Amino acid sequence: MAIEAGLKFVYVGNMQDRGGESTWCPECGTCLIERNGYQIRKIRISNGTCPDCGTEIGGIWE
């Protein structure tokens, strides 16, 4: 529902849902932030952009 409403970076919290708990690039669909439960497994954002297509990803990435 959130994506259909126009939000770009949504994920399901506090439940295990492999596809829904990670954050995906709104342009190419690559996994940007892989989560598993309360753990962040991998962050693939590079210099504030998607590493696959170069789409700018808003946020502070230090």
PDB file of N, CA and C in Angstrom:
ATOM      1  N   MET A   1       0.820  -1.198   0.000  1.00  0.00           N
ATOM      2  CA  MET A   1       0.000   0.000   0.000  1.00  0.00           C
ATOM      3  C   MET A   1       0.862   1.259   0.000  1.00  0.00           C
ATOM      4  N   ALA A   2       1.964   1.212   0.759  1.00  0.00           N
ATOM      5  CA  ALA A   2       2.833   2.390   0.828  1.00  0.00           C
ATOM      6  C   ALA A   2       3.469   2.686  -0.531  1.00  0.00           C
ATOM      7  N   ILE A   3       3.929   1.661  -1.212  1.00  0.00           N
ATOM      8  CA  ILE A   3       4.535   1.849  -2.533  1.00  0.00           C
ATOM      9  C   ILE A   3       3.486   2.362  -3.519  1.00  0.00           C
ATOM     10  N   GLU A   4       2.289   1.817  -3.462  1.00  0.00           N
ATOM     11  CA  GLU A   4       1.207   2.279  -4.332  1.00  0.00           C
ATOM     12  C   GLU A   4       0.844   3.732  -4.054  1.00  0.00           C
ATOM     13  N   ALA A   5       1.074   4.200  -2.820  1.00  0.00           N
ATOM     14  CA  ALA A   5       0.795   5.589  -2.451  1.00  0.00           C
ATOM     15  C   ALA A   5       1.910   6.533  -2.887  1.00  0.00           C
ATOM     16  N   GLY A   6       3.014   5.975  -3.439  1.00  0.00           N
ATOM     17  CA  GLY A   6       4.085   6.802  -3.960  1.00  0.00           C
ATOM     18  C   GLY A   6       5.339   6.857  -3.102  1.00  0.00           C
ATOM     19  N   LEU A   7       5.355   6.174  -1.961  1.00  0.00           N
ATOM     20  CA  LEU A   7       6.566   6.134  -1.148  1.00  0.00           C
ATOM     21  C   LEU A   7       7.584   5.222  -1.816  1.00  0.00           C
ATOM     22  N   LYS A   8       8.856   5.583  -1.752  1.00  0.00           N
ATOM     23  CA  LYS A   8       9.874   4.827  -2.486  1.00  0.00           C
ATOM     24  C   LYS A   8      10.653   3.842  -1.636  1.00  0.00           C
ATOM     25  N   PHE A   9      10.916   4.149  -0.386  1.00  0.00           N
ATOM     26  CA  PHE A   9      11.799   3.317   0.424  1.00  0.00           C
ATOM     27  C   PHE A   9      11.052   2.795   1.642  1.00  0.00           C
ATOM     28  N   VAL A  10      10.232   1.805   1.418  1.00  0.00           N
ATOM     29  CA  VAL A  10       9.427   1.231   2.495  1.00  0.00           C
ATOM     30  C   VAL A  10       9.876  -0.189   2.777  1.00  0.00           C
ATOM     31  N   TYR A  11       9.694  -0.608   4.021  1.00  0.00           N
ATOM     32  CA  TYR A  11       9.978  -1.993   4.385  1.00  0.00           C
ATOM     33  C   TYR A  11       9.122  -2.369   5.578  1.00  0.00           C
ATOM     34  N   VAL A  12       8.892  -3.646   5.733  1.00  0.00           N
ATOM     35  CA  VAL A  12       8.110  -4.182   6.839  1.00  0.00           C
ATOM     36  C   VAL A  12       9.032  -4.298   8.045  1.00  0.00           C
ATOM     37  N   GLY A  13       8.606  -3.810   9.187  1.00  0.00           N
ATOM     38  CA  GLY A  13       9.424  -3.894  10.394  1.00  0.00           C
ATOM     39  C   GLY A  13       8.813  -4.825  11.420  1.00  0.00           C
ATOM     40  N   ASN A  14       9.647  -5.318  12.310  1.00  0.00           N
ATOM     41  CA  ASN A  14       9.233  -6.150  13.438  1.00  0.00           C
ATOM     42  C   ASN A  14       8.570  -7.465  13.032  1.00  0.00           C
ATOM     43  N   MET A  15       8.933  -7.977  11.880  1.00  0.00           N
ATOM     44  CA  MET A  15       8.472  -9.298  11.465  1.00  0.00           C
ATOM     45  C   MET A  15       9.412  -9.831  10.393  1.00  0.00           C
ATOM     46  N   GLN A  16       9.533 -11.127  10.329  1.00  0.00           N
ATOM     47  CA  GLN A  16      10.413 -11.700   9.316  1.00  0.00           C
ATOM     48  C   GLN A  16       9.646 -11.906   8.019  1.00  0.00           C
ATOM     49  N   ASP A  17      10.124 -11.227   6.995  1.00  0.00           N
ATOM     50  CA  ASP A  17       9.546 -11.279   5.657  1.00  0.00           C
ATOM     51  C   ASP A  17      10.672 -10.922   4.699  1.00  0.00           C
ATOM     52  N   ARG A  18      11.367 -11.918   4.183  1.00  0.00           N
ATOM     53  CA  ARG A  18      12.590 -11.702   3.399  1.00  0.00           C
ATOM     54  C   ARG A  18      12.439 -10.623   2.336  1.00  0.00           C
ATOM     55  N   GLY A  19      11.394 -10.625   1.595  1.00  0.00           N
ATOM     56  CA  GLY A  19      11.213  -9.613   0.560  1.00  0.00           C
ATOM     57  C   GLY A  19      10.754  -8.279   1.096  1.00  0.00           C
ATOM     58  N   GLY A  20       9.969  -8.293   2.168  1.00  0.00           N
ATOM     59  CA  GLY A  20       9.378  -7.059   2.672  1.00  0.00           C
ATOM     60  C   GLY A  20      10.198  -6.322   3.703  1.00  0.00           C
ATOM     61  N   GLU A  21      11.174  -6.984   4.317  1.00  0.00           N
ATOM     62  CA  GLU A  21      11.926  -6.299   5.363  1.00  0.00           C
ATOM     63  C   GLU A  21      13.188  -5.612   4.831  1.00  0.00           C
ATOM     64  N   SER A  22      13.507  -5.786   3.571  1.00  0.00           N
ATOM     65  CA  SER A  22      14.665  -5.131   2.969  1.00  0.00           C
ATOM     66  C   SER A  22      14.218  -3.903   2.185  1.00  0.00           C
ATOM     67  N   THR A  23      15.178  -3.045   1.848  1.00  0.00           N
ATOM     68  CA  THR A  23      14.891  -1.832   1.082  1.00  0.00           C
ATOM     69  C   THR A  23      15.429  -2.035  -0.327  1.00  0.00           C
ATOM     70  N   TRP A  24      14.599  -1.695  -1.319  1.00  0.00           N
ATOM     71  CA  TRP A  24      14.903  -1.960  -2.727  1.00  0.00           C
ATOM     72  C   TRP A  24      14.996  -0.660  -3.511  1.00  0.00           C
ATOM     73  N   CYS A  25      15.838  -0.626  -4.531  1.00  0.00           N
ATOM     74  CA  CYS A  25      15.942   0.541  -5.409  1.00  0.00           C
ATOM     75  C   CYS A  25      14.625   0.719  -6.158  1.00  0.00           C
ATOM     76  N   PRO A  26      14.061   1.928  -6.133  1.00  0.00           N
ATOM     77  CA  PRO A  26      12.787   2.137  -6.817  1.00  0.00           C
ATOM     78  C   PRO A  26      12.905   2.118  -8.340  1.00  0.00           C
ATOM     79  N   GLU A  27      14.119   2.235  -8.870  1.00  0.00           N
ATOM     80  CA  GLU A  27      14.301   2.244 -10.326  1.00  0.00           C
ATOM     81  C   GLU A  27      14.595   0.863 -10.891  1.00  0.00           C
ATOM     82  N   CYS A  28      15.600   0.171 -10.349  1.00  0.00           N
ATOM     83  CA  CYS A  28      16.012  -1.103 -10.956  1.00  0.00           C
ATOM     84  C   CYS A  28      15.637  -2.327 -10.119  1.00  0.00           C
ATOM     85  N   GLY A  29      15.215  -2.115  -8.862  1.00  0.00           N
ATOM     86  CA  GLY A  29      14.751  -3.230  -8.044  1.00  0.00           C
ATOM     87  C   GLY A  29      15.831  -3.993  -7.297  1.00  0.00           C
ATOM     88  N   THR A  30      17.084  -3.524  -7.344  1.00  0.00           N
ATOM     89  CA  THR A  30      18.138  -4.222  -6.611  1.00  0.00           C
ATOM     90  C   THR A  30      17.984  -4.005  -5.106  1.00  0.00           C
ATOM     91  N   CYS A  31      18.407  -4.974  -4.319  1.00  0.00           N
ATOM     92  CA  CYS A  31      18.327  -4.864  -2.865  1.00  0.00           C
ATOM     93  C   CYS A  31      19.413  -3.902  -2.388  1.00  0.00           C
ATOM     94  N   LEU A  32      19.014  -2.822  -1.727  1.00  0.00           N
ATOM     95  CA  LEU A  32      19.961  -1.824  -1.234  1.00  0.00           C
ATOM     96  C   LEU A  32      20.358  -2.075   0.212  1.00  0.00           C
ATOM     97  N   ILE A  33      19.373  -2.376   1.053  1.00  0.00           N
ATOM     98  CA  ILE A  33      19.632  -2.676   2.464  1.00  0.00           C
ATOM     99  C   ILE A  33      18.954  -4.001   2.771  1.00  0.00           C
ATOM    100  N   GLU A  34      19.759  -5.011   3.027  1.00  0.00           N
ATOM    101  CA  GLU A  34      19.229  -6.345   3.324  1.00  0.00           C
ATOM    102  C   GLU A  34      19.094  -6.502   4.836  1.00  0.00           C
ATOM    103  N   ARG A  35      17.877  -6.774   5.284  1.00  0.00           N
ATOM    104  CA  ARG A  35      17.616  -6.960   6.705  1.00  0.00           C
ATOM    105  C   ARG A  35      17.125  -8.380   6.957  1.00  0.00           C
ATOM    106  N   ASN A  36      17.383  -8.841   8.181  1.00  0.00           N
ATOM    107  CA  ASN A  36      16.859 -10.119   8.641  1.00  0.00           C
ATOM    108  C   ASN A  36      16.459  -9.917  10.092  1.00  0.00           C
ATOM    109  N   GLY A  37      15.155  -9.806  10.336  1.00  0.00           N
ATOM    110  CA  GLY A  37      14.690  -9.513  11.684  1.00  0.00           C
ATOM    111  C   GLY A  37      15.190  -8.148  12.107  1.00  0.00           C
ATOM    112  N   TYR A  38      15.904  -8.092  13.220  1.00  0.00           N
ATOM    113  CA  TYR A  38      16.429  -6.820  13.720  1.00  0.00           C
ATOM    114  C   TYR A  38      17.850  -6.546  13.259  1.00  0.00           C
ATOM    115  N   GLN A  39      18.390  -7.392  12.410  1.00  0.00           N
ATOM    116  CA  GLN A  39      19.769  -7.228  11.952  1.00  0.00           C
ATOM    117  C   GLN A  39      19.829  -6.699  10.528  1.00  0.00           C
ATOM    118  N   ILE A  40      20.777  -5.801  10.298  1.00  0.00           N
ATOM    119  CA  ILE A  40      21.078  -5.366   8.938  1.00  0.00           C
ATOM    120  C   ILE A  40      22.197  -6.262   8.438  1.00  0.00           C
ATOM    121  N   ARG A  41      21.932  -7.000   7.382  1.00  0.00           N
ATOM    122  CA  ARG A  41      22.908  -7.950   6.839  1.00  0.00           C
ATOM    123  C   ARG A  41      23.888  -7.275   5.884  1.00  0.00           C
ATOM    124  N   LYS A  42      23.377  -6.359   5.059  1.00  0.00           N
ATOM    125  CA  LYS A  42      24.230  -5.751   4.042  1.00  0.00           C
ATOM    126  C   LYS A  42      23.644  -4.403   3.628  1.00  0.00           C
ATOM    127  N   ILE A  43      24.508  -3.416   3.444  1.00  0.00           N
ATOM    128  CA  ILE A  43      24.124  -2.125   2.875  1.00  0.00           C
ATOM    129  C   ILE A  43      24.922  -1.964   1.590  1.00  0.00           C
ATOM    130  N   ARG A  44      24.221  -1.814   0.481  1.00  0.00           N
ATOM    131  CA  ARG A  44      24.883  -1.741  -0.827  1.00  0.00           C
ATOM    132  C   ARG A  44      24.864  -0.340  -1.416  1.00  0.00           C
ATOM    133  N   ILE A  45      24.467   0.657  -0.668  1.00  0.00           N
ATOM    134  CA  ILE A  45      24.422   2.029  -1.174  1.00  0.00           C
ATOM    135  C   ILE A  45      25.856   2.547  -1.272  1.00  0.00           C
ATOM    136  N   SER A  46      26.211   3.101  -2.417  1.00  0.00           N
ATOM    137  CA  SER A  46      27.571   3.568  -2.662  1.00  0.00           C
ATOM    138  C   SER A  46      27.556   5.049  -3.024  1.00  0.00           C
ATOM    139  N   ASN A  47      28.160   5.867  -2.178  1.00  0.00           N
ATOM    140  CA  ASN A  47      28.176   7.328  -2.404  1.00  0.00           C
ATOM    141  C   ASN A  47      26.775   7.893  -2.601  1.00  0.00           C
ATOM    142  N   GLY A  48      25.812   7.374  -1.843  1.00  0.00           N
ATOM    143  CA  GLY A  48      24.446   7.878  -1.910  1.00  0.00           C
ATOM    144  C   GLY A  48      23.665   7.450  -3.131  1.00  0.00           C
ATOM    145  N   THR A  49      24.152   6.427  -3.836  1.00  0.00           N
ATOM    146  CA  THR A  49      23.450   5.974  -5.036  1.00  0.00           C
ATOM    147  C   THR A  49      23.334   4.454  -5.060  1.00  0.00           C
ATOM    148  N   CYS A  50      22.423   3.975  -5.879  1.00  0.00           N
ATOM    149  CA  CYS A  50      22.294   2.546  -6.118  1.00  0.00           C
ATOM    150  C   CYS A  50      23.531   2.079  -6.885  1.00  0.00           C
ATOM    151  N   PRO A  51      24.195   1.015  -6.429  1.00  0.00           N
ATOM    152  CA  PRO A  51      25.406   0.559  -7.119  1.00  0.00           C
ATOM    153  C   PRO A  51      25.142  -0.029  -8.503  1.00  0.00           C
ATOM    154  N   ASP A  52      23.903  -0.395  -8.795  1.00  0.00           N
ATOM    155  CA  ASP A  52      23.601  -1.013 -10.081  1.00  0.00           C
ATOM    156  C   ASP A  52      23.162  -0.014 -11.147  1.00  0.00           C
ATOM    157  N   CYS A  53      22.329   0.961 -10.773  1.00  0.00           N
ATOM    158  CA  CYS A  53      21.796   1.867 -11.796  1.00  0.00           C
ATOM    159  C   CYS A  53      22.143   3.336 -11.573  1.00  0.00           C
ATOM    160  N   GLY A  54      22.723   3.678 -10.406  1.00  0.00           N
ATOM    161  CA  GLY A  54      23.130   5.057 -10.152  1.00  0.00           C
ATOM    162  C   GLY A  54      22.040   5.978  -9.633  1.00  0.00           C
ATOM    163  N   THR A  55      20.843   5.442  -9.362  1.00  0.00           N
ATOM    164  CA  THR A  55      19.770   6.275  -8.827  1.00  0.00           C
ATOM    165  C   THR A  55      20.171   6.851  -7.477  1.00  0.00           C
ATOM    166  N   GLU A  56      19.935   8.153  -7.270  1.00  0.00           N
ATOM    167  CA  GLU A  56      20.256   8.795  -6.008  1.00  0.00           C
ATOM    168  C   GLU A  56      19.332   8.259  -4.911  1.00  0.00           C
ATOM    169  N   ILE A  57      19.922   7.886  -3.769  1.00  0.00           N
ATOM    170  CA  ILE A  57      19.188   7.364  -2.631  1.00  0.00           C
ATOM    171  C   ILE A  57      19.317   8.369  -1.500  1.00  0.00           C
ATOM    172  N   GLY A  58      18.228   9.038  -1.151  1.00  0.00           N
ATOM    173  CA  GLY A  58      18.257  10.064  -0.123  1.00  0.00           C
ATOM    174  C   GLY A  58      18.623   9.498   1.238  1.00  0.00           C
ATOM    175  N   GLY A  59      19.398  10.236   2.017  1.00  0.00           N
ATOM    176  CA  GLY A  59      19.763   9.814   3.357  1.00  0.00           C
ATOM    177  C   GLY A  59      21.191  10.219   3.671  1.00  0.00           C
ATOM    178  N   ILE A  60      21.628   9.862   4.856  1.00  0.00           N
ATOM    179  CA  ILE A  60      23.011  10.108   5.268  1.00  0.00           C
ATOM    180  C   ILE A  60      23.693   8.756   5.324  1.00  0.00           C
ATOM    181  N   TRP A  61      24.674   8.547   4.476  1.00  0.00           N
ATOM    182  CA  TRP A  61      25.321   7.249   4.325  1.00  0.00           C
ATOM    183  C   TRP A  61      26.800   7.338   4.652  1.00  0.00           C
ATOM    184  N   GLU A  62      27.109   7.393   5.920  1.00  0.00           N
ATOM    185  CA  GLU A  62      28.512   7.467   6.361  1.00  0.00           C
ATOM    186  C   GLU A  62      28.869   6.265   7.166  1.00  0.00           C
TER     187      GLU A  62
END
